[in-house]
N, C-alpha and C. Protein backbone atom coordinates (compact mmCIF):
# COMPACT_ATOMS: atom_id res chain seq x y z
N MET A 1 -60.07 -20.32 -48.35
CA MET A 1 -59.60 -19.21 -47.56
C MET A 1 -59.40 -19.68 -46.12
N THR A 2 -58.28 -19.29 -45.52
CA THR A 2 -57.97 -19.65 -44.15
C THR A 2 -58.82 -18.82 -43.18
N THR A 3 -59.39 -19.47 -42.20
CA THR A 3 -60.13 -18.77 -41.17
C THR A 3 -59.17 -18.07 -40.23
N GLU A 4 -59.44 -16.79 -39.98
CA GLU A 4 -58.63 -16.04 -39.03
C GLU A 4 -59.36 -15.95 -37.70
N ILE A 5 -58.60 -16.13 -36.63
CA ILE A 5 -59.11 -15.94 -35.28
C ILE A 5 -58.40 -14.72 -34.72
N TYR A 6 -59.17 -13.76 -34.26
CA TYR A 6 -58.62 -12.50 -33.78
C TYR A 6 -58.38 -12.61 -32.27
N VAL A 7 -57.11 -12.57 -31.89
CA VAL A 7 -56.71 -12.79 -30.51
C VAL A 7 -56.37 -11.44 -29.88
N SER A 8 -57.38 -10.82 -29.30
CA SER A 8 -57.19 -9.54 -28.63
C SER A 8 -56.37 -9.78 -27.38
N THR A 9 -55.26 -9.05 -27.28
CA THR A 9 -54.31 -9.31 -26.20
C THR A 9 -53.89 -8.01 -25.54
N ASP A 10 -53.83 -8.05 -24.22
CA ASP A 10 -53.35 -6.92 -23.44
C ASP A 10 -52.28 -7.42 -22.49
N ILE A 11 -51.24 -6.63 -22.32
CA ILE A 11 -50.20 -7.01 -21.36
C ILE A 11 -50.03 -5.89 -20.33
N GLU A 12 -49.50 -6.27 -19.21
CA GLU A 12 -49.08 -5.30 -18.19
C GLU A 12 -47.60 -5.57 -17.94
N ALA A 13 -46.83 -4.50 -17.79
CA ALA A 13 -45.38 -4.63 -17.65
C ALA A 13 -44.87 -3.65 -16.60
N ASP A 14 -43.60 -3.85 -16.21
CA ASP A 14 -42.99 -2.93 -15.25
C ASP A 14 -41.97 -2.01 -15.92
N GLY A 15 -42.05 -1.92 -17.25
CA GLY A 15 -41.17 -1.04 -17.99
C GLY A 15 -41.53 -1.02 -19.46
N PRO A 16 -40.84 -0.23 -20.27
CA PRO A 16 -41.24 -0.02 -21.66
C PRO A 16 -40.82 -1.08 -22.66
N ILE A 17 -39.84 -1.93 -22.33
CA ILE A 17 -39.39 -2.93 -23.30
C ILE A 17 -39.10 -4.26 -22.60
N PRO A 18 -39.29 -5.38 -23.32
CA PRO A 18 -39.01 -6.68 -22.72
C PRO A 18 -37.51 -6.94 -22.64
N GLY A 19 -37.13 -7.70 -21.63
CA GLY A 19 -35.72 -8.04 -21.42
C GLY A 19 -35.18 -7.23 -20.26
N PRO A 20 -34.93 -5.94 -20.46
CA PRO A 20 -34.54 -5.12 -19.31
C PRO A 20 -35.67 -4.99 -18.28
N HIS A 21 -36.91 -5.16 -18.77
CA HIS A 21 -38.09 -5.07 -17.91
C HIS A 21 -38.94 -6.33 -18.11
N SER A 22 -39.86 -6.56 -17.20
CA SER A 22 -40.65 -7.79 -17.21
C SER A 22 -42.09 -7.55 -17.62
N MET A 23 -42.66 -8.53 -18.31
CA MET A 23 -44.10 -8.57 -18.52
C MET A 23 -44.67 -9.16 -17.24
N LEU A 24 -45.55 -8.43 -16.61
CA LEU A 24 -46.14 -8.85 -15.34
C LEU A 24 -47.29 -9.83 -15.55
N SER A 25 -48.10 -9.55 -16.56
CA SER A 25 -49.26 -10.38 -16.85
C SER A 25 -49.70 -10.14 -18.29
N PHE A 26 -50.46 -11.09 -18.81
CA PHE A 26 -51.07 -10.91 -20.13
C PHE A 26 -52.37 -11.69 -20.17
N GLY A 27 -53.27 -11.19 -21.00
CA GLY A 27 -54.54 -11.87 -21.20
C GLY A 27 -54.90 -11.80 -22.67
N SER A 28 -55.46 -12.88 -23.17
CA SER A 28 -55.89 -12.95 -24.57
C SER A 28 -57.32 -13.45 -24.64
N ALA A 29 -58.08 -12.84 -25.55
CA ALA A 29 -59.46 -13.24 -25.80
C ALA A 29 -59.58 -13.51 -27.29
N ALA A 30 -59.90 -14.75 -27.66
CA ALA A 30 -59.98 -15.15 -29.06
C ALA A 30 -61.41 -14.98 -29.57
N PHE A 31 -61.54 -14.22 -30.66
CA PHE A 31 -62.84 -13.94 -31.27
C PHE A 31 -62.84 -14.45 -32.71
N ASP A 32 -64.00 -14.93 -33.17
CA ASP A 32 -64.11 -15.24 -34.59
C ASP A 32 -64.53 -13.98 -35.33
N ALA A 33 -64.62 -14.06 -36.65
CA ALA A 33 -64.92 -12.88 -37.47
C ALA A 33 -66.33 -12.36 -37.24
N ASN A 34 -67.19 -13.15 -36.61
CA ASN A 34 -68.56 -12.71 -36.30
C ASN A 34 -68.65 -12.07 -34.91
N GLY A 35 -67.52 -11.92 -34.23
CA GLY A 35 -67.52 -11.28 -32.93
C GLY A 35 -67.83 -12.18 -31.77
N ARG A 36 -67.82 -13.49 -32.00
CA ARG A 36 -68.13 -14.45 -30.93
C ARG A 36 -66.85 -14.74 -30.15
N LEU A 37 -66.91 -14.59 -28.82
CA LEU A 37 -65.79 -14.91 -27.95
C LEU A 37 -65.66 -16.43 -27.87
N LEU A 38 -64.53 -16.95 -28.31
CA LEU A 38 -64.32 -18.40 -28.39
C LEU A 38 -63.63 -18.97 -27.16
N SER A 39 -62.63 -18.25 -26.67
CA SER A 39 -61.81 -18.78 -25.59
C SER A 39 -60.95 -17.67 -25.03
N THR A 40 -60.45 -17.86 -23.82
CA THR A 40 -59.54 -16.89 -23.22
C THR A 40 -58.34 -17.61 -22.61
N PHE A 41 -57.28 -16.84 -22.42
CA PHE A 41 -56.06 -17.33 -21.76
C PHE A 41 -55.48 -16.15 -21.00
N ALA A 42 -55.02 -16.40 -19.79
CA ALA A 42 -54.38 -15.34 -19.00
C ALA A 42 -53.34 -15.96 -18.08
N ALA A 43 -52.31 -15.18 -17.81
CA ALA A 43 -51.28 -15.63 -16.87
C ALA A 43 -50.60 -14.42 -16.25
N ASN A 44 -50.28 -14.56 -14.98
CA ASN A 44 -49.39 -13.63 -14.29
C ASN A 44 -48.02 -14.27 -14.28
N LEU A 45 -46.99 -13.47 -14.50
CA LEU A 45 -45.65 -14.01 -14.68
C LEU A 45 -44.69 -13.57 -13.58
N GLU A 46 -43.77 -14.48 -13.27
CA GLU A 46 -42.67 -14.12 -12.39
C GLU A 46 -41.78 -13.12 -13.12
N LEU A 47 -41.11 -12.29 -12.37
CA LEU A 47 -40.22 -11.29 -12.97
C LEU A 47 -39.01 -11.97 -13.60
N LEU A 48 -38.49 -11.36 -14.66
CA LEU A 48 -37.31 -11.88 -15.32
C LEU A 48 -36.09 -11.73 -14.42
N GLU A 49 -35.27 -12.75 -14.41
CA GLU A 49 -34.03 -12.68 -13.65
C GLU A 49 -33.14 -11.59 -14.24
N GLY A 50 -32.64 -10.70 -13.40
CA GLY A 50 -31.76 -9.64 -13.84
C GLY A 50 -32.46 -8.41 -14.39
N ALA A 51 -33.78 -8.46 -14.54
CA ALA A 51 -34.52 -7.29 -15.03
C ALA A 51 -34.79 -6.33 -13.87
N ALA A 52 -35.09 -5.09 -14.21
CA ALA A 52 -35.40 -4.08 -13.20
C ALA A 52 -36.64 -3.30 -13.62
N SER A 53 -37.39 -2.86 -12.65
CA SER A 53 -38.57 -2.04 -12.93
C SER A 53 -38.15 -0.64 -13.35
N SER A 54 -38.91 -0.06 -14.26
CA SER A 54 -38.69 1.32 -14.68
C SER A 54 -39.33 2.25 -13.64
N PRO A 55 -38.58 3.22 -13.13
CA PRO A 55 -39.17 4.15 -12.16
C PRO A 55 -40.42 4.86 -12.69
N ALA A 56 -40.42 5.26 -13.95
CA ALA A 56 -41.59 5.95 -14.52
C ALA A 56 -42.80 5.02 -14.56
N THR A 57 -42.59 3.76 -14.92
CA THR A 57 -43.69 2.81 -14.96
C THR A 57 -44.20 2.52 -13.56
N MET A 58 -43.31 2.45 -12.60
CA MET A 58 -43.72 2.17 -11.23
C MET A 58 -44.53 3.33 -10.66
N GLU A 59 -44.30 4.55 -11.13
CA GLU A 59 -45.15 5.68 -10.72
C GLU A 59 -46.59 5.44 -11.16
N PHE A 60 -46.77 4.91 -12.39
CA PHE A 60 -48.10 4.56 -12.88
C PHE A 60 -48.72 3.52 -11.95
N TRP A 61 -47.97 2.47 -11.62
CA TRP A 61 -48.52 1.41 -10.79
C TRP A 61 -48.91 1.91 -9.41
N LYS A 62 -48.20 2.90 -8.88
CA LYS A 62 -48.56 3.46 -7.56
C LYS A 62 -49.96 4.05 -7.58
N THR A 63 -50.42 4.53 -8.74
CA THR A 63 -51.76 5.10 -8.84
C THR A 63 -52.82 4.05 -9.16
N ASN A 64 -52.39 2.80 -9.38
CA ASN A 64 -53.30 1.70 -9.71
C ASN A 64 -52.96 0.47 -8.87
N PRO A 65 -53.04 0.59 -7.54
CA PRO A 65 -52.59 -0.52 -6.69
C PRO A 65 -53.42 -1.80 -6.84
N ALA A 66 -54.71 -1.69 -7.08
CA ALA A 66 -55.52 -2.92 -7.24
C ALA A 66 -55.10 -3.68 -8.49
N ALA A 67 -54.84 -2.96 -9.58
CA ALA A 67 -54.39 -3.62 -10.80
C ALA A 67 -53.00 -4.22 -10.61
N TRP A 68 -52.11 -3.50 -9.92
CA TRP A 68 -50.77 -4.04 -9.62
C TRP A 68 -50.91 -5.34 -8.83
N ASN A 69 -51.71 -5.30 -7.78
CA ASN A 69 -51.89 -6.50 -6.94
C ASN A 69 -52.43 -7.66 -7.76
N ALA A 70 -53.32 -7.38 -8.72
CA ALA A 70 -53.88 -8.44 -9.57
C ALA A 70 -52.79 -9.11 -10.40
N THR A 71 -51.73 -8.38 -10.75
CA THR A 71 -50.65 -8.97 -11.56
C THR A 71 -49.71 -9.85 -10.73
N ARG A 72 -49.81 -9.79 -9.42
CA ARG A 72 -48.85 -10.50 -8.56
C ARG A 72 -49.45 -11.72 -7.89
N VAL A 73 -50.63 -12.16 -8.32
CA VAL A 73 -51.30 -13.34 -7.76
C VAL A 73 -50.99 -14.55 -8.63
N ASP A 74 -50.64 -15.66 -8.02
CA ASP A 74 -50.42 -16.94 -8.73
C ASP A 74 -49.47 -16.79 -9.92
N CYS A 75 -48.34 -16.18 -9.70
CA CYS A 75 -47.38 -15.96 -10.79
C CYS A 75 -46.73 -17.27 -11.22
N GLN A 76 -46.54 -17.38 -12.53
CA GLN A 76 -45.92 -18.56 -13.13
C GLN A 76 -44.58 -18.16 -13.74
N ALA A 77 -43.69 -19.11 -13.83
CA ALA A 77 -42.46 -18.89 -14.57
C ALA A 77 -42.81 -18.72 -16.05
N PRO A 78 -42.19 -17.76 -16.74
CA PRO A 78 -42.44 -17.63 -18.17
C PRO A 78 -42.15 -18.92 -18.94
N SER A 79 -41.21 -19.72 -18.45
CA SER A 79 -40.87 -20.99 -19.12
C SER A 79 -42.00 -22.00 -19.04
N ILE A 80 -42.95 -21.78 -18.16
CA ILE A 80 -44.16 -22.63 -18.06
C ILE A 80 -45.32 -21.97 -18.82
N ALA A 81 -45.53 -20.68 -18.56
CA ALA A 81 -46.70 -19.98 -19.11
C ALA A 81 -46.64 -19.83 -20.63
N MET A 82 -45.49 -19.51 -21.17
CA MET A 82 -45.43 -19.21 -22.61
C MET A 82 -45.61 -20.46 -23.48
N PRO A 83 -45.01 -21.61 -23.15
CA PRO A 83 -45.34 -22.81 -23.94
C PRO A 83 -46.82 -23.19 -23.82
N ALA A 84 -47.42 -22.99 -22.64
CA ALA A 84 -48.85 -23.27 -22.49
C ALA A 84 -49.67 -22.32 -23.36
N TYR A 85 -49.27 -21.08 -23.43
CA TYR A 85 -49.95 -20.09 -24.27
C TYR A 85 -49.82 -20.46 -25.74
N SER A 86 -48.62 -20.83 -26.17
CA SER A 86 -48.41 -21.25 -27.55
C SER A 86 -49.29 -22.44 -27.90
N ALA A 87 -49.37 -23.40 -26.98
CA ALA A 87 -50.22 -24.58 -27.20
C ALA A 87 -51.69 -24.17 -27.30
N TRP A 88 -52.13 -23.24 -26.45
CA TRP A 88 -53.51 -22.75 -26.50
C TRP A 88 -53.80 -22.10 -27.85
N LEU A 89 -52.89 -21.25 -28.32
CA LEU A 89 -53.08 -20.60 -29.61
C LEU A 89 -53.27 -21.62 -30.73
N LYS A 90 -52.55 -22.73 -30.65
CA LYS A 90 -52.64 -23.77 -31.68
C LYS A 90 -53.95 -24.53 -31.63
N THR A 91 -54.69 -24.45 -30.52
CA THR A 91 -55.99 -25.13 -30.43
C THR A 91 -57.12 -24.32 -31.05
N LEU A 92 -56.87 -23.06 -31.34
CA LEU A 92 -57.92 -22.21 -31.89
C LEU A 92 -58.31 -22.68 -33.29
N PRO A 93 -59.59 -22.52 -33.67
CA PRO A 93 -60.08 -23.07 -34.94
C PRO A 93 -59.75 -22.21 -36.16
N GLY A 94 -58.52 -21.76 -36.25
CA GLY A 94 -58.07 -20.95 -37.38
C GLY A 94 -56.71 -20.36 -37.07
N LYS A 95 -56.21 -19.58 -38.01
CA LYS A 95 -54.90 -18.93 -37.84
C LYS A 95 -55.05 -17.74 -36.89
N PRO A 96 -54.24 -17.69 -35.82
CA PRO A 96 -54.35 -16.57 -34.90
C PRO A 96 -53.74 -15.29 -35.47
N VAL A 97 -54.47 -14.19 -35.29
CA VAL A 97 -54.00 -12.85 -35.63
C VAL A 97 -54.01 -12.06 -34.33
N PHE A 98 -52.86 -11.57 -33.93
CA PHE A 98 -52.74 -10.76 -32.73
C PHE A 98 -53.46 -9.44 -32.96
N VAL A 99 -54.27 -9.01 -31.99
CA VAL A 99 -54.97 -7.73 -32.05
C VAL A 99 -54.64 -6.98 -30.77
N GLY A 100 -54.14 -5.76 -30.91
CA GLY A 100 -53.75 -5.00 -29.73
C GLY A 100 -54.08 -3.53 -29.83
N TYR A 101 -54.03 -2.87 -28.67
CA TYR A 101 -54.29 -1.43 -28.59
C TYR A 101 -53.33 -0.83 -27.57
N PRO A 102 -52.18 -0.39 -27.96
CA PRO A 102 -51.58 -0.42 -29.29
C PRO A 102 -50.81 -1.72 -29.50
N ALA A 103 -50.91 -2.24 -30.70
CA ALA A 103 -50.26 -3.51 -31.01
C ALA A 103 -48.74 -3.42 -30.89
N ALA A 104 -48.16 -2.27 -31.23
CA ALA A 104 -46.70 -2.14 -31.20
C ALA A 104 -46.14 -2.45 -29.81
N PHE A 105 -46.81 -2.04 -28.77
CA PHE A 105 -46.34 -2.29 -27.41
C PHE A 105 -46.63 -3.72 -26.98
N ASP A 106 -47.88 -4.13 -27.04
CA ASP A 106 -48.28 -5.44 -26.53
C ASP A 106 -47.62 -6.58 -27.32
N PHE A 107 -47.62 -6.46 -28.66
CA PHE A 107 -47.04 -7.52 -29.48
C PHE A 107 -45.54 -7.66 -29.23
N MET A 108 -44.84 -6.54 -29.01
CA MET A 108 -43.42 -6.58 -28.74
C MET A 108 -43.14 -7.49 -27.54
N PHE A 109 -43.88 -7.34 -26.47
CA PHE A 109 -43.67 -8.17 -25.28
C PHE A 109 -44.06 -9.62 -25.55
N VAL A 110 -45.25 -9.84 -26.11
CA VAL A 110 -45.73 -11.21 -26.31
C VAL A 110 -44.80 -11.97 -27.26
N TYR A 111 -44.42 -11.34 -28.36
CA TYR A 111 -43.54 -11.99 -29.33
C TYR A 111 -42.18 -12.32 -28.69
N TRP A 112 -41.59 -11.38 -27.97
CA TRP A 112 -40.30 -11.60 -27.31
C TRP A 112 -40.39 -12.76 -26.32
N TYR A 113 -41.44 -12.75 -25.49
CA TYR A 113 -41.60 -13.82 -24.50
C TYR A 113 -41.85 -15.17 -25.18
N LEU A 114 -42.68 -15.20 -26.23
CA LEU A 114 -42.92 -16.46 -26.95
C LEU A 114 -41.62 -17.00 -27.53
N MET A 115 -40.84 -16.15 -28.18
CA MET A 115 -39.60 -16.62 -28.81
C MET A 115 -38.60 -17.07 -27.76
N CYS A 116 -38.49 -16.35 -26.66
CA CYS A 116 -37.53 -16.70 -25.61
C CYS A 116 -37.92 -17.96 -24.84
N PHE A 117 -39.20 -18.12 -24.55
CA PHE A 117 -39.61 -19.17 -23.62
C PHE A 117 -40.39 -20.31 -24.26
N ALA A 118 -40.92 -20.12 -25.47
CA ALA A 118 -41.61 -21.21 -26.18
C ALA A 118 -40.88 -21.59 -27.46
N GLY A 119 -39.96 -20.74 -27.89
CA GLY A 119 -39.18 -21.03 -29.09
C GLY A 119 -39.93 -20.84 -30.39
N GLU A 120 -41.12 -20.23 -30.33
CA GLU A 120 -41.93 -20.03 -31.52
C GLU A 120 -43.02 -19.01 -31.24
N SER A 121 -43.58 -18.47 -32.31
CA SER A 121 -44.76 -17.61 -32.19
C SER A 121 -45.81 -18.09 -33.18
N PRO A 122 -46.90 -18.70 -32.69
CA PRO A 122 -47.98 -19.10 -33.59
C PRO A 122 -48.60 -17.92 -34.36
N PHE A 123 -48.35 -16.69 -33.90
CA PHE A 123 -48.83 -15.51 -34.62
C PHE A 123 -48.00 -15.24 -35.87
N SER A 124 -46.79 -15.80 -35.92
CA SER A 124 -45.81 -15.39 -36.92
C SER A 124 -45.60 -13.90 -36.70
N HIS A 125 -45.76 -13.09 -37.74
CA HIS A 125 -45.64 -11.64 -37.58
C HIS A 125 -46.99 -10.95 -37.81
N SER A 126 -48.08 -11.67 -37.56
CA SER A 126 -49.43 -11.15 -37.81
C SER A 126 -49.94 -10.40 -36.59
N ALA A 127 -49.86 -9.06 -36.65
CA ALA A 127 -50.33 -8.22 -35.55
C ALA A 127 -51.13 -7.07 -36.14
N LEU A 128 -52.35 -6.91 -35.67
CA LEU A 128 -53.26 -5.88 -36.15
C LEU A 128 -53.46 -4.85 -35.04
N ASP A 129 -53.29 -3.59 -35.39
CA ASP A 129 -53.41 -2.50 -34.42
C ASP A 129 -54.79 -1.86 -34.50
N ILE A 130 -55.52 -1.85 -33.39
CA ILE A 130 -56.86 -1.28 -33.35
C ILE A 130 -56.83 0.22 -33.66
N LYS A 131 -55.82 0.93 -33.16
CA LYS A 131 -55.74 2.38 -33.43
C LYS A 131 -55.56 2.65 -34.92
N THR A 132 -54.75 1.86 -35.60
CA THR A 132 -54.55 2.05 -37.04
C THR A 132 -55.84 1.77 -37.80
N PHE A 133 -56.54 0.71 -37.39
CA PHE A 133 -57.82 0.39 -38.00
C PHE A 133 -58.81 1.54 -37.79
N ALA A 134 -58.84 2.09 -36.57
CA ALA A 134 -59.72 3.23 -36.28
C ALA A 134 -59.33 4.44 -37.13
N MET A 135 -58.03 4.67 -37.28
CA MET A 135 -57.56 5.78 -38.10
C MET A 135 -58.13 5.69 -39.52
N ALA A 136 -58.07 4.48 -40.08
CA ALA A 136 -58.57 4.28 -41.45
C ALA A 136 -60.08 4.44 -41.52
N MET A 137 -60.79 3.90 -40.54
CA MET A 137 -62.25 3.97 -40.58
C MET A 137 -62.78 5.37 -40.28
N LEU A 138 -62.14 6.07 -39.34
CA LEU A 138 -62.62 7.39 -38.93
C LEU A 138 -62.02 8.53 -39.76
N ARG A 139 -60.99 8.19 -40.53
CA ARG A 139 -60.28 9.20 -41.32
C ARG A 139 -59.75 10.32 -40.43
N LEU A 140 -59.13 9.89 -39.33
CA LEU A 140 -58.50 10.81 -38.38
C LEU A 140 -57.00 10.57 -38.38
N PRO A 141 -56.22 11.54 -37.93
CA PRO A 141 -54.81 11.27 -37.72
C PRO A 141 -54.63 10.16 -36.66
N TYR A 142 -53.53 9.45 -36.75
CA TYR A 142 -53.30 8.31 -35.85
C TYR A 142 -53.42 8.72 -34.38
N ARG A 143 -52.77 9.81 -33.99
CA ARG A 143 -52.77 10.21 -32.57
C ARG A 143 -54.14 10.70 -32.09
N HIS A 144 -55.07 10.88 -32.99
CA HIS A 144 -56.45 11.26 -32.63
C HIS A 144 -57.38 10.04 -32.66
N SER A 145 -56.85 8.90 -33.05
CA SER A 145 -57.67 7.69 -33.18
C SER A 145 -57.68 6.93 -31.86
N THR A 146 -58.13 7.59 -30.82
CA THR A 146 -58.17 7.03 -29.48
C THR A 146 -59.58 6.57 -29.13
N LYS A 147 -59.70 5.83 -28.06
CA LYS A 147 -61.03 5.39 -27.62
C LYS A 147 -61.95 6.58 -27.37
N ARG A 148 -61.39 7.66 -26.87
CA ARG A 148 -62.19 8.85 -26.59
C ARG A 148 -62.86 9.38 -27.85
N ASN A 149 -62.21 9.23 -29.00
CA ASN A 149 -62.75 9.74 -30.26
C ASN A 149 -63.51 8.69 -31.07
N MET A 150 -63.60 7.49 -30.54
CA MET A 150 -64.35 6.44 -31.24
C MET A 150 -65.84 6.61 -30.98
N PRO A 151 -66.67 6.27 -31.96
CA PRO A 151 -68.11 6.41 -31.76
C PRO A 151 -68.62 5.45 -30.68
N CYS A 152 -69.65 5.87 -29.98
CA CYS A 152 -70.22 5.07 -28.89
C CYS A 152 -70.66 3.69 -29.37
N ARG A 153 -71.07 3.57 -30.63
CA ARG A 153 -71.56 2.28 -31.13
C ARG A 153 -70.46 1.20 -31.12
N TRP A 154 -69.20 1.60 -31.08
CA TRP A 154 -68.11 0.62 -31.02
C TRP A 154 -67.79 0.21 -29.60
N LYS A 155 -68.12 1.06 -28.65
CA LYS A 155 -67.71 0.83 -27.27
C LYS A 155 -68.85 0.21 -26.47
N GLU A 156 -68.46 -0.59 -25.54
CA GLU A 156 -69.44 -1.20 -24.63
C GLU A 156 -69.30 -0.55 -23.27
N ASP A 157 -70.14 -0.96 -22.39
CA ASP A 157 -70.12 -0.44 -21.04
C ASP A 157 -69.11 -1.22 -20.20
N LEU A 158 -67.90 -1.36 -20.70
CA LEU A 158 -66.86 -2.06 -19.97
C LEU A 158 -65.86 -1.05 -19.44
N THR A 159 -65.34 -1.33 -18.29
CA THR A 159 -64.35 -0.46 -17.67
C THR A 159 -62.96 -0.95 -18.02
N HIS A 160 -62.08 -0.03 -18.36
CA HIS A 160 -60.67 -0.37 -18.59
C HIS A 160 -60.02 -0.48 -17.21
N THR A 161 -59.69 -1.70 -16.79
CA THR A 161 -59.26 -1.95 -15.42
C THR A 161 -57.76 -2.07 -15.24
N HIS A 162 -57.02 -2.17 -16.32
CA HIS A 162 -55.58 -2.49 -16.29
C HIS A 162 -55.34 -3.88 -15.73
N VAL A 163 -56.37 -4.72 -15.76
CA VAL A 163 -56.22 -6.16 -15.55
C VAL A 163 -56.24 -6.75 -16.94
N ALA A 164 -55.19 -7.45 -17.31
CA ALA A 164 -54.93 -7.81 -18.70
C ALA A 164 -56.12 -8.50 -19.39
N LEU A 165 -56.70 -9.52 -18.79
CA LEU A 165 -57.79 -10.22 -19.47
C LEU A 165 -59.02 -9.35 -19.63
N ASP A 166 -59.35 -8.57 -18.61
CA ASP A 166 -60.49 -7.64 -18.73
C ASP A 166 -60.30 -6.71 -19.92
N ASP A 167 -59.10 -6.14 -20.02
CA ASP A 167 -58.83 -5.17 -21.08
C ASP A 167 -58.76 -5.84 -22.45
N ALA A 168 -58.27 -7.07 -22.51
CA ALA A 168 -58.24 -7.80 -23.78
C ALA A 168 -59.67 -8.05 -24.29
N ILE A 169 -60.57 -8.41 -23.40
CA ILE A 169 -61.97 -8.64 -23.80
C ILE A 169 -62.60 -7.33 -24.26
N GLU A 170 -62.39 -6.27 -23.49
CA GLU A 170 -62.93 -4.95 -23.86
C GLU A 170 -62.45 -4.54 -25.25
N GLN A 171 -61.16 -4.60 -25.46
CA GLN A 171 -60.58 -4.18 -26.74
C GLN A 171 -61.01 -5.10 -27.87
N GLY A 172 -61.15 -6.39 -27.60
CA GLY A 172 -61.61 -7.33 -28.62
C GLY A 172 -63.02 -7.04 -29.06
N ARG A 173 -63.86 -6.66 -28.13
CA ARG A 173 -65.25 -6.33 -28.49
C ARG A 173 -65.31 -5.05 -29.34
N ILE A 174 -64.47 -4.08 -29.00
CA ILE A 174 -64.40 -2.87 -29.83
C ILE A 174 -63.95 -3.25 -31.24
N PHE A 175 -62.89 -4.04 -31.34
CA PHE A 175 -62.37 -4.44 -32.64
C PHE A 175 -63.44 -5.18 -33.45
N CYS A 176 -64.15 -6.09 -32.83
CA CYS A 176 -65.16 -6.87 -33.56
C CYS A 176 -66.29 -5.98 -34.09
N LYS A 177 -66.68 -4.96 -33.32
CA LYS A 177 -67.70 -4.03 -33.82
C LYS A 177 -67.16 -3.22 -34.99
N MET A 178 -65.91 -2.82 -34.92
CA MET A 178 -65.29 -2.10 -36.03
C MET A 178 -65.23 -3.00 -37.27
N LEU A 179 -64.83 -4.25 -37.07
CA LEU A 179 -64.71 -5.19 -38.18
C LEU A 179 -66.07 -5.41 -38.85
N ALA A 180 -67.11 -5.61 -38.05
CA ALA A 180 -68.45 -5.82 -38.60
C ALA A 180 -68.91 -4.59 -39.38
N GLU A 181 -68.68 -3.40 -38.84
CA GLU A 181 -69.09 -2.18 -39.53
C GLU A 181 -68.30 -2.00 -40.83
N ASN A 182 -67.03 -2.28 -40.80
CA ASN A 182 -66.20 -2.15 -41.99
C ASN A 182 -66.66 -3.12 -43.08
N ARG A 183 -66.98 -4.33 -42.68
CA ARG A 183 -67.44 -5.33 -43.65
C ARG A 183 -68.80 -4.96 -44.22
N SER A 184 -69.70 -4.45 -43.38
CA SER A 184 -71.03 -4.09 -43.88
C SER A 184 -70.97 -2.86 -44.78
N ALA A 185 -70.00 -1.97 -44.56
CA ALA A 185 -69.83 -0.80 -45.43
C ALA A 185 -69.46 -1.23 -46.84
N GLY A 186 -68.76 -2.34 -46.95
CA GLY A 186 -68.37 -2.87 -48.25
C GLY A 186 -69.54 -3.50 -49.00
N ASP A 187 -70.61 -3.85 -48.25
CA ASP A 187 -71.78 -4.46 -48.88
C ASP A 187 -72.70 -3.44 -49.53
N GLY A 188 -72.55 -2.16 -49.11
CA GLY A 188 -73.47 -1.12 -49.55
C GLY A 188 -73.05 -0.54 -50.82
């Protein structure tokens, strides 16, 4: 059996889709199936040439100036950051599985940037959504499967900062607790 490494990833962007808008920053935290944090990767990115910020997204950033400022420090060209990220993913001791909250948004950006700037995605199409996993475990409708409705035993005393690496670690720890509980339920 192939070992899976769960790569909890969070991105920050200046709009709803990649290409017309830019990914500002991303952070990934790689966890093994036992919930052990193995490694992290983070980068702030230069804006895409010809892209424009979404006015609605920029309204959000106006209310989170510290997080915005964190995305604009030591920015790298995507043509540098994404091949380095792909290489990092390949060093992990197993097959990487993208884990996001929500995966549909974060994976869309990461996959697009990897394909455009690294020419490959070590994830292939493997993306796991924490909300969908919570929906199945809690037996709630998808739109009710939010952090607010998750049991305290899954959540840690971490603050959601809108700094990509902080949020990736937070979400990865939630996922690992869910995974452990789901696996132990199968033992009973």
